[in-house]
Amino acid sequence: MDLKPLIYEFRVLKEEAVPAAFLRVSTGSTDNVKPELVMETYCQETGYPYSPIMFEIQREELYAPGFVSLEDLGEIIE
């Protein structure tokens, strides 16, 4: 499986002196990429040892097509 077209953004960051990665990946019914798979592949390609407990995954946002936040599509129900 070629992951590259399904990864829209991959940035390496430093948060409080701890390395972190920001990923924006495809999450749909046909093309669904898990962040764990991206990080495992990254480690394999760069020669770092990989363990599933090395990373904490935190989902921050879901998007509709065109990277529109799902929150922006909704309306407040009173």
N, C-alpha and C. Protein backbone atom coordinates (compact mmCIF):
# COMPACT_ATOMS: atom_id res chain seq x y z
N MET A 1 0.84 -1.19 0.00
CA MET A 1 0.00 0.00 0.00
C MET A 1 0.88 1.24 0.00
N ASP A 2 0.61 2.16 -0.91
CA ASP A 2 1.36 3.41 -0.97
C ASP A 2 0.67 4.43 -0.07
N LEU A 3 1.30 4.75 1.05
CA LEU A 3 0.72 5.67 2.02
C LEU A 3 0.85 7.14 1.63
N LYS A 4 1.85 7.44 0.83
CA LYS A 4 2.19 8.84 0.56
C LYS A 4 1.00 9.69 0.09
N PRO A 5 0.18 9.23 -0.88
CA PRO A 5 -0.93 10.09 -1.31
C PRO A 5 -2.03 10.26 -0.26
N LEU A 6 -2.01 9.43 0.78
CA LEU A 6 -3.04 9.50 1.81
C LEU A 6 -2.61 10.30 3.04
N ILE A 7 -1.36 10.80 3.01
CA ILE A 7 -0.84 11.65 4.08
C ILE A 7 -0.83 13.08 3.55
N TYR A 8 -1.70 13.92 4.10
CA TYR A 8 -1.83 15.29 3.61
C TYR A 8 -0.84 16.24 4.28
N GLU A 9 -0.45 15.91 5.50
CA GLU A 9 0.52 16.75 6.22
C GLU A 9 1.22 15.91 7.27
N PHE A 10 2.52 16.11 7.38
CA PHE A 10 3.34 15.42 8.39
C PHE A 10 4.39 16.41 8.84
N ARG A 11 4.28 16.85 10.08
CA ARG A 11 5.25 17.79 10.64
C ARG A 11 5.82 17.22 11.93
N VAL A 12 7.11 17.41 12.12
CA VAL A 12 7.76 17.03 13.37
C VAL A 12 7.88 18.30 14.20
N LEU A 13 7.43 18.23 15.44
CA LEU A 13 7.38 19.38 16.33
C LEU A 13 8.14 19.07 17.62
N LYS A 14 8.33 20.09 18.43
CA LYS A 14 8.86 19.90 19.77
C LYS A 14 7.89 20.57 20.73
N GLU A 15 7.27 19.78 21.60
CA GLU A 15 6.34 20.32 22.59
C GLU A 15 6.94 20.11 23.97
N GLU A 16 7.28 21.22 24.62
CA GLU A 16 7.91 21.17 25.95
C GLU A 16 9.14 20.27 25.93
N ALA A 17 10.00 20.46 24.95
CA ALA A 17 11.26 19.73 24.78
C ALA A 17 11.06 18.25 24.48
N VAL A 18 9.85 17.86 24.11
CA VAL A 18 9.57 16.47 23.75
C VAL A 18 9.20 16.43 22.27
N PRO A 19 9.85 15.55 21.50
CA PRO A 19 9.49 15.47 20.08
C PRO A 19 8.04 15.01 19.90
N ALA A 20 7.38 15.59 18.91
CA ALA A 20 5.99 15.22 18.60
C ALA A 20 5.82 15.27 17.09
N ALA A 21 4.79 14.62 16.60
CA ALA A 21 4.48 14.65 15.17
C ALA A 21 3.03 15.07 14.99
N PHE A 22 2.80 15.89 13.98
CA PHE A 22 1.45 16.29 13.60
C PHE A 22 1.16 15.63 12.26
N LEU A 23 0.06 14.87 12.21
CA LEU A 23 -0.33 14.18 10.99
C LEU A 23 -1.72 14.61 10.57
N ARG A 24 -1.90 14.79 9.28
CA ARG A 24 -3.23 14.95 8.70
C ARG A 24 -3.33 13.87 7.64
N VAL A 25 -4.16 12.85 7.91
CA VAL A 25 -4.23 11.68 7.05
C VAL A 25 -5.67 11.44 6.60
N SER A 26 -5.81 10.65 5.56
CA SER A 26 -7.11 10.28 5.03
C SER A 26 -7.83 9.35 6.00
N THR A 27 -9.07 9.68 6.33
CA THR A 27 -9.89 8.83 7.19
C THR A 27 -11.28 8.73 6.59
N GLY A 28 -11.42 7.85 5.66
CA GLY A 28 -12.71 7.67 5.01
C GLY A 28 -13.09 6.21 4.95
N SER A 29 -14.20 5.94 4.30
CA SER A 29 -14.66 4.56 4.22
C SER A 29 -13.80 3.72 3.28
N THR A 30 -13.20 4.35 2.25
CA THR A 30 -12.36 3.58 1.33
C THR A 30 -10.87 3.74 1.61
N ASP A 31 -10.45 4.96 1.87
CA ASP A 31 -9.03 5.23 2.17
C ASP A 31 -8.92 5.67 3.62
N ASN A 32 -8.57 4.74 4.48
CA ASN A 32 -8.50 5.04 5.91
C ASN A 32 -7.10 4.69 6.40
N VAL A 33 -6.33 5.70 6.79
CA VAL A 33 -4.96 5.50 7.25
C VAL A 33 -4.89 5.75 8.75
N LYS A 34 -4.41 4.78 9.47
CA LYS A 34 -4.26 4.94 10.92
C LYS A 34 -2.92 5.61 11.20
N PRO A 35 -2.88 6.56 12.12
CA PRO A 35 -1.62 7.22 12.47
C PRO A 35 -0.55 6.23 12.93
N GLU A 36 -0.98 5.15 13.61
CA GLU A 36 -0.03 4.14 14.07
C GLU A 36 0.72 3.51 12.89
N LEU A 37 0.01 3.28 11.79
CA LEU A 37 0.64 2.71 10.60
C LEU A 37 1.66 3.67 10.00
N VAL A 38 1.32 4.95 9.97
CA VAL A 38 2.25 5.96 9.45
C VAL A 38 3.51 6.01 10.31
N MET A 39 3.36 6.02 11.63
CA MET A 39 4.52 6.11 12.50
C MET A 39 5.36 4.83 12.44
N GLU A 40 4.71 3.67 12.34
CA GLU A 40 5.45 2.42 12.20
C GLU A 40 6.27 2.41 10.91
N THR A 41 5.67 2.84 9.82
CA THR A 41 6.37 2.90 8.53
C THR A 41 7.51 3.92 8.58
N TYR A 42 7.26 5.07 9.21
CA TYR A 42 8.30 6.10 9.35
C TYR A 42 9.50 5.53 10.10
N CYS A 43 9.25 4.84 11.20
CA CYS A 43 10.34 4.26 11.99
C CYS A 43 11.11 3.21 11.16
N GLN A 44 10.40 2.38 10.45
CA GLN A 44 11.06 1.36 9.61
C GLN A 44 11.94 2.01 8.56
N GLU A 45 11.44 3.06 7.92
CA GLU A 45 12.18 3.72 6.83
C GLU A 45 13.39 4.50 7.34
N THR A 46 13.33 4.99 8.58
CA THR A 46 14.43 5.79 9.11
C THR A 46 15.38 5.00 10.00
N GLY A 47 15.04 3.72 10.23
CA GLY A 47 15.93 2.88 11.02
C GLY A 47 15.73 2.95 12.52
N TYR A 48 14.69 3.65 12.97
CA TYR A 48 14.39 3.70 14.40
C TYR A 48 13.65 2.44 14.80
N PRO A 49 13.95 1.89 15.97
CA PRO A 49 13.16 0.75 16.45
C PRO A 49 11.74 1.21 16.75
N TYR A 50 10.77 0.38 16.45
CA TYR A 50 9.37 0.74 16.66
C TYR A 50 8.72 -0.16 17.70
N SER A 51 7.93 0.45 18.55
CA SER A 51 7.09 -0.27 19.50
C SER A 51 5.76 0.47 19.56
N PRO A 52 4.64 -0.24 19.58
CA PRO A 52 3.34 0.45 19.60
C PRO A 52 3.15 1.37 20.80
N ILE A 53 3.87 1.14 21.88
CA ILE A 53 3.70 2.00 23.06
C ILE A 53 4.60 3.24 23.04
N MET A 54 5.34 3.43 21.94
CA MET A 54 6.23 4.59 21.83
C MET A 54 5.46 5.90 21.62
N PHE A 55 4.26 5.81 21.08
CA PHE A 55 3.53 7.01 20.67
C PHE A 55 2.16 7.08 21.35
N GLU A 56 1.79 8.29 21.71
CA GLU A 56 0.44 8.55 22.19
C GLU A 56 -0.30 9.27 21.06
N ILE A 57 -1.39 8.69 20.62
CA ILE A 57 -2.14 9.26 19.50
C ILE A 57 -3.32 10.07 20.05
N GLN A 58 -3.45 11.31 19.58
CA GLN A 58 -4.54 12.17 20.00
C GLN A 58 -5.21 12.76 18.77
N ARG A 59 -6.47 12.42 18.55
CA ARG A 59 -7.21 12.98 17.42
C ARG A 59 -7.68 14.37 17.80
N GLU A 60 -7.38 15.34 16.95
CA GLU A 60 -7.76 16.71 17.25
C GLU A 60 -8.95 17.20 16.46
N GLU A 61 -9.13 16.70 15.23
CA GLU A 61 -10.18 17.24 14.39
C GLU A 61 -10.55 16.25 13.31
N LEU A 62 -11.80 16.31 12.86
CA LEU A 62 -12.26 15.57 11.70
C LEU A 62 -12.72 16.59 10.66
N TYR A 63 -12.50 16.28 9.39
CA TYR A 63 -12.81 17.24 8.34
C TYR A 63 -13.74 16.63 7.29
N ALA A 64 -14.56 17.48 6.71
CA ALA A 64 -15.34 17.14 5.53
C ALA A 64 -14.44 17.39 4.32
N PRO A 65 -14.85 16.95 3.13
CA PRO A 65 -14.03 17.23 1.94
C PRO A 65 -13.68 18.72 1.83
N GLY A 66 -12.45 18.98 1.42
CA GLY A 66 -11.96 20.36 1.32
C GLY A 66 -11.39 20.87 2.63
N PHE A 67 -11.18 19.96 3.59
CA PHE A 67 -10.64 20.30 4.91
C PHE A 67 -11.50 21.33 5.64
N VAL A 68 -12.81 21.16 5.55
CA VAL A 68 -13.74 21.99 6.31
C VAL A 68 -14.03 21.24 7.60
N SER A 69 -13.84 21.91 8.71
CA SER A 69 -14.08 21.30 10.02
C SER A 69 -15.54 20.86 10.14
N LEU A 70 -15.76 19.67 10.67
CA LEU A 70 -17.14 19.21 10.87
C LEU A 70 -17.90 20.14 11.80
N GLU A 71 -17.19 20.74 12.75
CA GLU A 71 -17.82 21.70 13.65
C GLU A 71 -18.35 22.91 12.88
N ASP A 72 -17.63 23.32 11.84
CA ASP A 72 -18.06 24.47 11.04
C ASP A 72 -19.29 24.16 10.18
N LEU A 73 -19.56 22.90 9.93
CA LEU A 73 -20.71 22.53 9.12
C LEU A 73 -22.00 22.48 9.92
N GLY A 74 -21.89 22.31 11.21
CA GLY A 74 -23.07 22.16 12.05
C GLY A 74 -23.68 23.49 12.45
N GLU A 75 -24.76 23.36 13.20
CA GLU A 75 -25.42 24.56 13.73
C GLU A 75 -25.81 24.29 15.17
N ILE A 76 -25.92 25.33 15.95
CA ILE A 76 -26.29 25.21 17.35
C ILE A 76 -27.79 24.97 17.45
N ILE A 77 -28.17 23.93 18.17
CA ILE A 77 -29.58 23.60 18.38
C ILE A 77 -29.96 24.06 19.78
N GLU A 78 -30.94 24.88 19.85
CA GLU A 78 -31.36 25.42 21.17
C GLU A 78 -32.65 24.82 21.60
